[in-house]
Amino acid sequence: MSAAAASQDVVHNAEAHRFEVILDGELARVDYRLDGNVMRLVHTEVPAAHEGKGVAGALVRAAMAYARARDLRVLPACSYVRSYMQHHPETHDLLPPGTTL
């Protein structure tokens, strides 16, 4: 699955506090916790067969879009999300004040 296809299939599962996509029957996800107006992205997981195909990036982009649309700040508590934000300066405005990458 390409990143473009994955981004179209990403679903916000609010009950489970995650953004997810099913790939060949397996779950890929980015989990979050909300604390006031801060969305803490705590875990990213992609099945091994789909690693390196842009799936994690599509999940994080969906989470960032959700946060932006709701005026939430994003705290990258997951190493993948931190790396993603380091490489995408357009996301830096989502960081809580005083947070560095």
PDB file of N, CA and C in Angstrom:
ATOM      1  N   MET A   1       0.845  -1.178   0.000  1.00  0.00           N
ATOM      2  CA  MET A   1       0.000   0.000   0.000  1.00  0.00           C
ATOM      3  C   MET A   1       0.885   1.233   0.000  1.00  0.00           C
ATOM      4  N   SER A   2       0.591   2.148  -0.873  1.00  0.00           N
ATOM      5  CA  SER A   2       1.371   3.382  -0.929  1.00  0.00           C
ATOM      6  C   SER A   2       0.920   4.330   0.171  1.00  0.00           C
ATOM      7  N   ALA A   3       1.737   5.354   0.428  1.00  0.00           N
ATOM      8  CA  ALA A   3       1.385   6.342   1.446  1.00  0.00           C
ATOM      9  C   ALA A   3       0.088   7.043   1.072  1.00  0.00           C
ATOM     10  N   ALA A   4      -0.110   7.324  -0.220  1.00  0.00           N
ATOM     11  CA  ALA A   4      -1.330   7.993  -0.658  1.00  0.00           C
ATOM     12  C   ALA A   4      -2.551   7.120  -0.377  1.00  0.00           C
ATOM     13  N   ALA A   5      -2.454   5.839  -0.685  1.00  0.00           N
ATOM     14  CA  ALA A   5      -3.564   4.933  -0.426  1.00  0.00           C
ATOM     15  C   ALA A   5      -3.806   4.802   1.067  1.00  0.00           C
ATOM     16  N   ALA A   6      -2.744   4.694   1.852  1.00  0.00           N
ATOM     17  CA  ALA A   6      -2.884   4.562   3.305  1.00  0.00           C
ATOM     18  C   ALA A   6      -3.571   5.788   3.889  1.00  0.00           C
ATOM     19  N   SER A   7      -3.213   6.978   3.411  1.00  0.00           N
ATOM     20  CA  SER A   7      -3.792   8.194   3.981  1.00  0.00           C
ATOM     21  C   SER A   7      -5.290   8.263   3.712  1.00  0.00           C
ATOM     22  N   GLN A   8      -5.756   7.677   2.614  1.00  0.00           N
ATOM     23  CA  GLN A   8      -7.183   7.676   2.316  1.00  0.00           C
ATOM     24  C   GLN A   8      -7.938   6.711   3.221  1.00  0.00           C
ATOM     25  N   ASP A   9      -7.273   5.700   3.711  1.00  0.00           N
ATOM     26  CA  ASP A   9      -7.910   4.667   4.506  1.00  0.00           C
ATOM     27  C   ASP A   9      -7.743   4.861   6.012  1.00  0.00           C
ATOM     28  N   VAL A  10      -6.995   5.876   6.449  1.00  0.00           N
ATOM     29  CA  VAL A  10      -6.779   6.103   7.876  1.00  0.00           C
ATOM     30  C   VAL A  10      -8.102   6.518   8.516  1.00  0.00           C
ATOM     31  N   VAL A  11      -8.400   5.874   9.637  1.00  0.00           N
ATOM     32  CA  VAL A  11      -9.630   6.130  10.383  1.00  0.00           C
ATOM     33  C   VAL A  11      -9.262   6.603  11.778  1.00  0.00           C
ATOM     34  N   HIS A  12     -10.007   7.593  12.278  1.00  0.00           N
ATOM     35  CA  HIS A  12      -9.834   8.021  13.667  1.00  0.00           C
ATOM     36  C   HIS A  12     -10.750   7.151  14.518  1.00  0.00           C
ATOM     37  N   ASN A  13     -10.172   6.319  15.346  1.00  0.00           N
ATOM     38  CA  ASN A  13     -10.912   5.471  16.274  1.00  0.00           C
ATOM     39  C   ASN A  13     -10.864   6.174  17.632  1.00  0.00           C
ATOM     40  N   ALA A  14     -11.818   7.054  17.868  1.00  0.00           N
ATOM     41  CA  ALA A  14     -11.816   7.884  19.074  1.00  0.00           C
ATOM     42  C   ALA A  14     -11.950   7.041  20.343  1.00  0.00           C
ATOM     43  N   GLU A  15     -12.736   5.966  20.298  1.00  0.00           N
ATOM     44  CA  GLU A  15     -12.908   5.126  21.476  1.00  0.00           C
ATOM     45  C   GLU A  15     -11.597   4.486  21.920  1.00  0.00           C
ATOM     46  N   ALA A  16     -10.769   4.100  20.943  1.00  0.00           N
ATOM     47  CA  ALA A  16      -9.477   3.461  21.252  1.00  0.00           C
ATOM     48  C   ALA A  16      -8.346   4.478  21.348  1.00  0.00           C
ATOM     49  N   HIS A  17      -8.627   5.764  21.104  1.00  0.00           N
ATOM     50  CA  HIS A  17      -7.629   6.836  21.152  1.00  0.00           C
ATOM     51  C   HIS A  17      -6.481   6.554  20.177  1.00  0.00           C
ATOM     52  N   ARG A  18      -6.850   6.339  18.910  1.00  0.00           N
ATOM     53  CA  ARG A  18      -5.816   6.084  17.916  1.00  0.00           C
ATOM     54  C   ARG A  18      -6.319   6.392  16.512  1.00  0.00           C
ATOM     55  N   PHE A  19      -5.353   6.574  15.622  1.00  0.00           N
ATOM     56  CA  PHE A  19      -5.599   6.648  14.190  1.00  0.00           C
ATOM     57  C   PHE A  19      -5.103   5.322  13.648  1.00  0.00           C
ATOM     58  N   GLU A  20      -5.883   4.717  12.763  1.00  0.00           N
ATOM     59  CA  GLU A  20      -5.559   3.355  12.352  1.00  0.00           C
ATOM     60  C   GLU A  20      -5.906   3.103  10.892  1.00  0.00           C
ATOM     61  N   VAL A  21      -5.292   2.069  10.374  1.00  0.00           N
ATOM     62  CA  VAL A  21      -5.609   1.572   9.041  1.00  0.00           C
ATOM     63  C   VAL A  21      -5.387   0.063   9.083  1.00  0.00           C
ATOM     64  N   ILE A  22      -6.241  -0.676   8.396  1.00  0.00           N
ATOM     65  CA  ILE A  22      -6.110  -2.129   8.305  1.00  0.00           C
ATOM     66  C   ILE A  22      -5.418  -2.452   6.981  1.00  0.00           C
ATOM     67  N   LEU A  23      -4.325  -3.191   7.076  1.00  0.00           N
ATOM     68  CA  LEU A  23      -3.536  -3.564   5.902  1.00  0.00           C
ATOM     69  C   LEU A  23      -3.459  -5.078   5.835  1.00  0.00           C
ATOM     70  N   ASP A  24      -4.054  -5.654   4.829  1.00  0.00           N
ATOM     71  CA  ASP A  24      -4.056  -7.116   4.691  1.00  0.00           C
ATOM     72  C   ASP A  24      -4.494  -7.791   5.988  1.00  0.00           C
ATOM     73  N   GLY A  25      -5.519  -7.238   6.623  1.00  0.00           N
ATOM     74  CA  GLY A  25      -6.059  -7.818   7.845  1.00  0.00           C
ATOM     75  C   GLY A  25      -5.296  -7.487   9.110  1.00  0.00           C
ATOM     76  N   GLU A  26      -4.223  -6.694   9.006  1.00  0.00           N
ATOM     77  CA  GLU A  26      -3.423  -6.325  10.181  1.00  0.00           C
ATOM     78  C   GLU A  26      -3.582  -4.841  10.482  1.00  0.00           C
ATOM     79  N   LEU A  27      -3.521  -4.520  11.758  1.00  0.00           N
ATOM     80  CA  LEU A  27      -3.717  -3.154  12.217  1.00  0.00           C
ATOM     81  C   LEU A  27      -2.401  -2.376  12.254  1.00  0.00           C
ATOM     82  N   ALA A  28      -2.412  -1.201  11.640  1.00  0.00           N
ATOM     83  CA  ALA A  28      -1.327  -0.217  11.793  1.00  0.00           C
ATOM     84  C   ALA A  28      -1.955   0.955  12.542  1.00  0.00           C
ATOM     85  N   ARG A  29      -1.182   1.558  13.467  1.00  0.00           N
ATOM     86  CA  ARG A  29      -1.818   2.586  14.292  1.00  0.00           C
ATOM     87  C   ARG A  29      -0.823   3.582  14.869  1.00  0.00           C
ATOM     88  N   VAL A  30      -1.363   4.726  15.236  1.00  0.00           N
ATOM     89  CA  VAL A  30      -0.664   5.679  16.091  1.00  0.00           C
ATOM     90  C   VAL A  30      -1.624   5.983  17.237  1.00  0.00           C
ATOM     91  N   ASP A  31      -1.162   5.728  18.455  1.00  0.00           N
ATOM     92  CA  ASP A  31      -1.982   5.906  19.657  1.00  0.00           C
ATOM     93  C   ASP A  31      -1.721   7.279  20.267  1.00  0.00           C
ATOM     94  N   TYR A  32      -2.758   7.841  20.885  1.00  0.00           N
ATOM     95  CA  TYR A  32      -2.604   9.145  21.534  1.00  0.00           C
ATOM     96  C   TYR A  32      -3.329   9.167  22.870  1.00  0.00           C
ATOM     97  N   ARG A  33      -2.944  10.166  23.653  1.00  0.00           N
ATOM     98  CA  ARG A  33      -3.646  10.499  24.890  1.00  0.00           C
ATOM     99  C   ARG A  33      -3.911  11.995  24.864  1.00  0.00           C
ATOM    100  N   LEU A  34      -5.091  12.388  25.264  1.00  0.00           N
ATOM    101  CA  LEU A  34      -5.420  13.807  25.341  1.00  0.00           C
ATOM    102  C   LEU A  34      -5.279  14.296  26.770  1.00  0.00           C
ATOM    103  N   ASP A  35      -4.636  15.434  26.916  1.00  0.00           N
ATOM    104  CA  ASP A  35      -4.498  16.086  28.212  1.00  0.00           C
ATOM    105  C   ASP A  35      -4.824  17.554  27.981  1.00  0.00           C
ATOM    106  N   GLY A  36      -6.077  17.916  28.218  1.00  0.00           N
ATOM    107  CA  GLY A  36      -6.504  19.276  27.910  1.00  0.00           C
ATOM    108  C   GLY A  36      -6.442  19.499  26.409  1.00  0.00           C
ATOM    109  N   ASN A  37      -5.663  20.504  26.003  1.00  0.00           N
ATOM    110  CA  ASN A  37      -5.536  20.784  24.574  1.00  0.00           C
ATOM    111  C   ASN A  37      -4.248  20.209  23.988  1.00  0.00           C
ATOM    112  N   VAL A  38      -3.658  19.226  24.657  1.00  0.00           N
ATOM    113  CA  VAL A  38      -2.429  18.589  24.169  1.00  0.00           C
ATOM    114  C   VAL A  38      -2.717  17.140  23.797  1.00  0.00           C
ATOM    115  N   MET A  39      -2.385  16.814  22.553  1.00  0.00           N
ATOM    116  CA  MET A  39      -2.476  15.435  22.081  1.00  0.00           C
ATOM    117  C   MET A  39      -1.078  14.841  22.157  1.00  0.00           C
ATOM    118  N   ARG A  40      -0.915  13.904  23.058  1.00  0.00           N
ATOM    119  CA  ARG A  40       0.378  13.233  23.234  1.00  0.00           C
ATOM    120  C   ARG A  40       0.358  11.976  22.366  1.00  0.00           C
ATOM    121  N   LEU A  41       1.186  11.957  21.322  1.00  0.00           N
ATOM    122  CA  LEU A  41       1.278  10.787  20.449  1.00  0.00           C
ATOM    123  C   LEU A  41       2.290   9.838  21.066  1.00  0.00           C
ATOM    124  N   VAL A  42       1.800   8.687  21.535  1.00  0.00           N
ATOM    125  CA  VAL A  42       2.604   7.832  22.405  1.00  0.00           C
ATOM    126  C   VAL A  42       3.152   6.567  21.764  1.00  0.00           C
ATOM    127  N   HIS A  43       2.579   6.134  20.648  1.00  0.00           N
ATOM    128  CA  HIS A  43       3.037   4.864  20.076  1.00  0.00           C
ATOM    129  C   HIS A  43       2.631   4.780  18.609  1.00  0.00           C
ATOM    130  N   THR A  44       3.557   4.351  17.771  1.00  0.00           N
ATOM    131  CA  THR A  44       3.281   4.100  16.359  1.00  0.00           C
ATOM    132  C   THR A  44       3.676   2.665  16.069  1.00  0.00           C
ATOM    133  N   GLU A  45       2.790   1.956  15.381  1.00  0.00           N
ATOM    134  CA  GLU A  45       3.071   0.556  15.073  1.00  0.00           C
ATOM    135  C   GLU A  45       2.548   0.214  13.682  1.00  0.00           C
ATOM    136  N   VAL A  46       3.420  -0.396  12.879  1.00  0.00           N
ATOM    137  CA  VAL A  46       3.071  -0.830  11.528  1.00  0.00           C
ATOM    138  C   VAL A  46       3.511  -2.285  11.392  1.00  0.00           C
ATOM    139  N   PRO A  47       2.647  -3.160  10.861  1.00  0.00           N
ATOM    140  CA  PRO A  47       3.055  -4.552  10.658  1.00  0.00           C
ATOM    141  C   PRO A  47       4.328  -4.630   9.814  1.00  0.00           C
ATOM    142  N   ALA A  48       5.195  -5.563  10.138  1.00  0.00           N
ATOM    143  CA  ALA A  48       6.500  -5.682   9.482  1.00  0.00           C
ATOM    144  C   ALA A  48       6.387  -5.734   7.961  1.00  0.00           C
ATOM    145  N   ALA A  49       5.392  -6.391   7.441  1.00  0.00           N
ATOM    146  CA  ALA A  49       5.236  -6.521   5.988  1.00  0.00           C
ATOM    147  C   ALA A  49       4.960  -5.182   5.308  1.00  0.00           C
ATOM    148  N   HIS A  50       4.575  -4.168   6.083  1.00  0.00           N
ATOM    149  CA  HIS A  50       4.225  -2.866   5.512  1.00  0.00           C
ATOM    150  C   HIS A  50       5.177  -1.748   5.921  1.00  0.00           C
ATOM    151  N   GLU A  51       6.232  -2.092   6.638  1.00  0.00           N
ATOM    152  CA  GLU A  51       7.210  -1.081   7.041  1.00  0.00           C
ATOM    153  C   GLU A  51       7.913  -0.515   5.813  1.00  0.00           C
ATOM    154  N   GLY A  52       8.270   0.751   5.882  1.00  0.00           N
ATOM    155  CA  GLY A  52       9.004   1.394   4.794  1.00  0.00           C
ATOM    156  C   GLY A  52       8.150   1.773   3.603  1.00  0.00           C
ATOM    157  N   LYS A  53       6.842   1.731   3.740  1.00  0.00           N
ATOM    158  CA  LYS A  53       5.941   2.052   2.632  1.00  0.00           C
ATOM    159  C   LYS A  53       5.162   3.343   2.851  1.00  0.00           C
ATOM    160  N   GLY A  54       5.527   4.099   3.881  1.00  0.00           N
ATOM    161  CA  GLY A  54       4.866   5.372   4.129  1.00  0.00           C
ATOM    162  C   GLY A  54       3.622   5.289   4.991  1.00  0.00           C
ATOM    163  N   VAL A  55       3.340   4.127   5.533  1.00  0.00           N
ATOM    164  CA  VAL A  55       2.126   3.950   6.324  1.00  0.00           C
ATOM    165  C   VAL A  55       2.204   4.749   7.623  1.00  0.00           C
ATOM    166  N   ALA A  56       3.304   4.663   8.338  1.00  0.00           N
ATOM    167  CA  ALA A  56       3.448   5.405   9.599  1.00  0.00           C
ATOM    168  C   ALA A  56       3.325   6.905   9.350  1.00  0.00           C
ATOM    169  N   GLY A  57       3.932   7.376   8.272  1.00  0.00           N
ATOM    170  CA  GLY A  57       3.822   8.790   7.931  1.00  0.00           C
ATOM    171  C   GLY A  57       2.387   9.205   7.669  1.00  0.00           C
ATOM    172  N   ALA A  58       1.631   8.361   6.976  1.00  0.00           N
ATOM    173  CA  ALA A  58       0.226   8.659   6.700  1.00  0.00           C
ATOM    174  C   ALA A  58      -0.576   8.723   7.996  1.00  0.00           C
ATOM    175  N   LEU A  59      -0.293   7.824   8.924  1.00  0.00           N
ATOM    176  CA  LEU A  59      -0.976   7.837  10.217  1.00  0.00           C
ATOM    177  C   LEU A  59      -0.669   9.112  10.991  1.00  0.00           C
ATOM    178  N   VAL A  60       0.600   9.496  11.014  1.00  0.00           N
ATOM    179  CA  VAL A  60       0.996  10.703  11.748  1.00  0.00           C
ATOM    180  C   VAL A  60       0.416  11.944  11.073  1.00  0.00           C
ATOM    181  N   ARG A  61       0.423  11.988   9.745  1.00  0.00           N
ATOM    182  CA  ARG A  61      -0.191  13.137   9.050  1.00  0.00           C
ATOM    183  C   ARG A  61      -1.665  13.269   9.418  1.00  0.00           C
ATOM    184  N   ALA A  62      -2.375  12.150   9.504  1.00  0.00           N
ATOM    185  CA  ALA A  62      -3.789  12.194   9.880  1.00  0.00           C
ATOM    186  C   ALA A  62      -3.953  12.734  11.301  1.00  0.00           C
ATOM    187  N   ALA A  63      -3.100  12.298  12.212  1.00  0.00           N
ATOM    188  CA  ALA A  63      -3.161  12.792  13.588  1.00  0.00           C
ATOM    189  C   ALA A  63      -2.860  14.286  13.646  1.00  0.00           C
ATOM    190  N   MET A  64      -1.878  14.723  12.882  1.00  0.00           N
ATOM    191  CA  MET A  64      -1.517  16.152  12.853  1.00  0.00           C
ATOM    192  C   MET A  64      -2.672  16.985  12.285  1.00  0.00           C
ATOM    193  N   ALA A  65      -3.305  16.486  11.228  1.00  0.00           N
ATOM    194  CA  ALA A  65      -4.431  17.203  10.626  1.00  0.00           C
ATOM    195  C   ALA A  65      -5.587  17.310  11.619  1.00  0.00           C
ATOM    196  N   TYR A  66      -5.832  16.236  12.336  1.00  0.00           N
ATOM    197  CA  TYR A  66      -6.873  16.240  13.358  1.00  0.00           C
ATOM    198  C   TYR A  66      -6.550  17.283  14.428  1.00  0.00           C
ATOM    199  N   ALA A  67      -5.322  17.277  14.916  1.00  0.00           N
ATOM    200  CA  ALA A  67      -4.902  18.236  15.948  1.00  0.00           C
ATOM    201  C   ALA A  67      -5.034  19.667  15.440  1.00  0.00           C
ATOM    202  N   ARG A  68      -4.576  19.903  14.233  1.00  0.00           N
ATOM    203  CA  ARG A  68      -4.627  21.254  13.669  1.00  0.00           C
ATOM    204  C   ARG A  68      -6.070  21.738  13.542  1.00  0.00           C
ATOM    205  N   ALA A  69      -6.960  20.869  13.066  1.00  0.00           N
ATOM    206  CA  ALA A  69      -8.361  21.242  12.872  1.00  0.00           C
ATOM    207  C   ALA A  69      -9.061  21.561  14.186  1.00  0.00           C
ATOM    208  N   ARG A  70      -8.555  21.022  15.290  1.00  0.00           N
ATOM    209  CA  ARG A  70      -9.176  21.225  16.601  1.00  0.00           C
ATOM    210  C   ARG A  70      -8.356  22.125  17.513  1.00  0.00           C
ATOM    211  N   ASP A  71      -7.358  22.777  16.948  1.00  0.00           N
ATOM    212  CA  ASP A  71      -6.492  23.698  17.687  1.00  0.00           C
ATOM    213  C   ASP A  71      -5.840  23.020  18.892  1.00  0.00           C
ATOM    214  N   LEU A  72      -5.402  21.761  18.687  1.00  0.00           N
ATOM    215  CA  LEU A  72      -4.682  21.029  19.719  1.00  0.00           C
ATOM    216  C   LEU A  72      -3.184  21.185  19.507  1.00  0.00           C
ATOM    217  N   ARG A  73      -2.410  21.084  20.563  1.00  0.00           N
ATOM    218  CA  ARG A  73      -0.954  21.016  20.467  1.00  0.00           C
ATOM    219  C   ARG A  73      -0.591  19.529  20.390  1.00  0.00           C
ATOM    220  N   VAL A  74       0.563  19.226  19.820  1.00  0.00           N
ATOM    221  CA  VAL A  74       1.015  17.845  19.670  1.00  0.00           C
ATOM    222  C   VAL A  74       2.336  17.660  20.406  1.00  0.00           C
ATOM    223  N   LEU A  75       2.355  16.700  21.309  1.00  0.00           N
ATOM    224  CA  LEU A  75       3.566  16.353  22.046  1.00  0.00           C
ATOM    225  C   LEU A  75       4.039  14.984  21.555  1.00  0.00           C
ATOM    226  N   PRO A  76       5.209  14.934  20.904  1.00  0.00           N
ATOM    227  CA  PRO A  76       5.695  13.660  20.360  1.00  0.00           C
ATOM    228  C   PRO A  76       6.370  12.810  21.432  1.00  0.00           C
ATOM    229  N   ALA A  77       5.612  11.894  22.038  1.00  0.00           N
ATOM    230  CA  ALA A  77       6.161  11.010  23.060  1.00  0.00           C
ATOM    231  C   ALA A  77       6.678   9.713  22.452  1.00  0.00           C
ATOM    232  N   CYS A  78       6.520   9.563  21.169  1.00  0.00           N
ATOM    233  CA  CYS A  78       6.958   8.375  20.420  1.00  0.00           C
ATOM    234  C   CYS A  78       8.159   8.785  19.562  1.00  0.00           C
ATOM    235  N   SER A  79       9.169   7.945  19.503  1.00  0.00           N
ATOM    236  CA  SER A  79      10.384   8.288  18.748  1.00  0.00           C
ATOM    237  C   SER A  79      10.093   8.499  17.260  1.00  0.00           C
ATOM    238  N   TYR A  80       9.172   7.730  16.684  1.00  0.00           N
ATOM    239  CA  TYR A  80       8.855   7.925  15.263  1.00  0.00           C
ATOM    240  C   TYR A  80       8.216   9.298  15.054  1.00  0.00           C
ATOM    241  N   VAL A  81       7.276   9.668  15.905  1.00  0.00           N
ATOM    242  CA  VAL A  81       6.602  10.961  15.761  1.00  0.00           C
ATOM    243  C   VAL A  81       7.595  12.098  15.953  1.00  0.00           C
ATOM    244  N   ARG A  82       8.498  11.952  16.914  1.00  0.00           N
ATOM    245  CA  ARG A  82       9.523  12.979  17.132  1.00  0.00           C
ATOM    246  C   ARG A  82      10.380  13.140  15.877  1.00  0.00           C
ATOM    247  N   SER A  83      10.814  12.036  15.304  1.00  0.00           N
ATOM    248  CA  SER A  83      11.617  12.080  14.081  1.00  0.00           C
ATOM    249  C   SER A  83      10.818  12.694  12.928  1.00  0.00           C
ATOM    250  N   TYR A  84       9.561  12.302  12.811  1.00  0.00           N
ATOM    251  CA  TYR A  84       8.699  12.858  11.760  1.00  0.00           C
ATOM    252  C   TYR A  84       8.641  14.381  11.894  1.00  0.00           C
ATOM    253  N   MET A  85       8.395  14.862  13.102  1.00  0.00           N
ATOM    254  CA  MET A  85       8.275  16.302  13.307  1.00  0.00           C
ATOM    255  C   MET A  85       9.606  17.017  13.072  1.00  0.00           C
ATOM    256  N   GLN A  86      10.717  16.370  13.411  1.00  0.00           N
ATOM    257  CA  GLN A  86      12.023  16.974  13.147  1.00  0.00           C
ATOM    258  C   GLN A  86      12.226  17.178  11.650  1.00  0.00           C
ATOM    259  N   HIS A  87      11.726  16.263  10.844  1.00  0.00           N
ATOM    260  CA  HIS A  87      11.898  16.326   9.396  1.00  0.00           C
ATOM    261  C   HIS A  87      10.789  17.097   8.676  1.00  0.00           C
ATOM    262  N   HIS A  88       9.791  17.552   9.408  1.00  0.00           N
ATOM    263  CA  HIS A  88       8.677  18.294   8.824  1.00  0.00           C
ATOM    264  C   HIS A  88       8.448  19.586   9.612  1.00  0.00           C
ATOM    265  N   PRO A  89       9.231  20.614   9.292  1.00  0.00           N
ATOM    266  CA  PRO A  89       9.123  21.865  10.058  1.00  0.00           C
ATOM    267  C   PRO A  89       7.731  22.492  10.020  1.00  0.00           C
ATOM    268  N   GLU A  90       6.922  22.123   9.037  1.00  0.00           N
ATOM    269  CA  GLU A  90       5.566  22.678   8.972  1.00  0.00           C
ATOM    270  C   GLU A  90       4.698  22.191  10.133  1.00  0.00           C
ATOM    271  N   THR A  91       5.190  21.228  10.905  1.00  0.00           N
ATOM    272  CA  THR A  91       4.448  20.738  12.072  1.00  0.00           C
ATOM    273  C   THR A  91       4.884  21.409  13.374  1.00  0.00           C
ATOM    274  N   HIS A  92       5.958  22.161  13.342  1.00  0.00           N
ATOM    275  CA  HIS A  92       6.524  22.712  14.576  1.00  0.00           C
ATOM    276  C   HIS A  92       5.573  23.646  15.310  1.00  0.00           C
ATOM    277  N   ASP A  93       4.670  24.309  14.573  1.00  0.00           N
ATOM    278  CA  ASP A  93       3.716  25.203  15.237  1.00  0.00           C
ATOM    279  C   ASP A  93       2.720  24.430  16.093  1.00  0.00           C
ATOM    280  N   LEU A  94       2.649  23.116  15.938  1.00  0.00           N
ATOM    281  CA  LEU A  94       1.749  22.297  16.741  1.00  0.00           C
ATOM    282  C   LEU A  94       2.334  21.934  18.109  1.00  0.00           C
ATOM    283  N   LEU A  95       3.634  22.153  18.282  1.00  0.00           N
ATOM    284  CA  LEU A  95       4.282  21.813  19.556  1.00  0.00           C
ATOM    285  C   LEU A  95       3.782  22.730  20.677  1.00  0.00           C
ATOM    286  N   PRO A  96       3.616  22.197  21.876  1.00  0.00           N
ATOM    287  CA  PRO A  96       3.282  23.068  23.005  1.00  0.00           C
ATOM    288  C   PRO A  96       4.407  24.081  23.228  1.00  0.00           C
ATOM    289  N   PRO A  97       4.085  25.262  23.711  1.00  0.00           N
ATOM    290  CA  PRO A  97       5.118  26.260  23.964  1.00  0.00           C
ATOM    291  C   PRO A  97       6.241  25.692  24.841  1.00  0.00           C
ATOM    292  N   GLY A  98       7.478  25.976  24.467  1.00  0.00           N
ATOM    293  CA  GLY A  98       8.631  25.548  25.229  1.00  0.00           C
ATOM    294  C   GLY A  98       9.107  24.141  24.918  1.00  0.00           C
ATOM    295  N   THR A  99       8.411  23.430  24.038  1.00  0.00           N
ATOM    296  CA  THR A  99       8.813  22.066  23.685  1.00  0.00           C
ATOM    297  C   THR A  99       9.822  22.102  22.569  1.00  0.00           C
ATOM    298  N   THR A 100      10.908  21.350  22.721  1.00  0.00           N
ATOM    299  CA  THR A 100      11.915  21.243  21.671  1.00  0.00           C
ATOM    300  C   THR A 100      11.958  19.803  21.156  1.00  0.00           C
ATOM    301  N   LEU A 101      12.423  19.668  19.941  1.00  0.00           N
ATOM    302  CA  LEU A 101      12.523  18.328  19.346  1.00  0.00           C
ATOM    303  C   LEU A 101      13.921  17.786  19.463  1.00  0.00           C
TER     304      LEU A 101
END
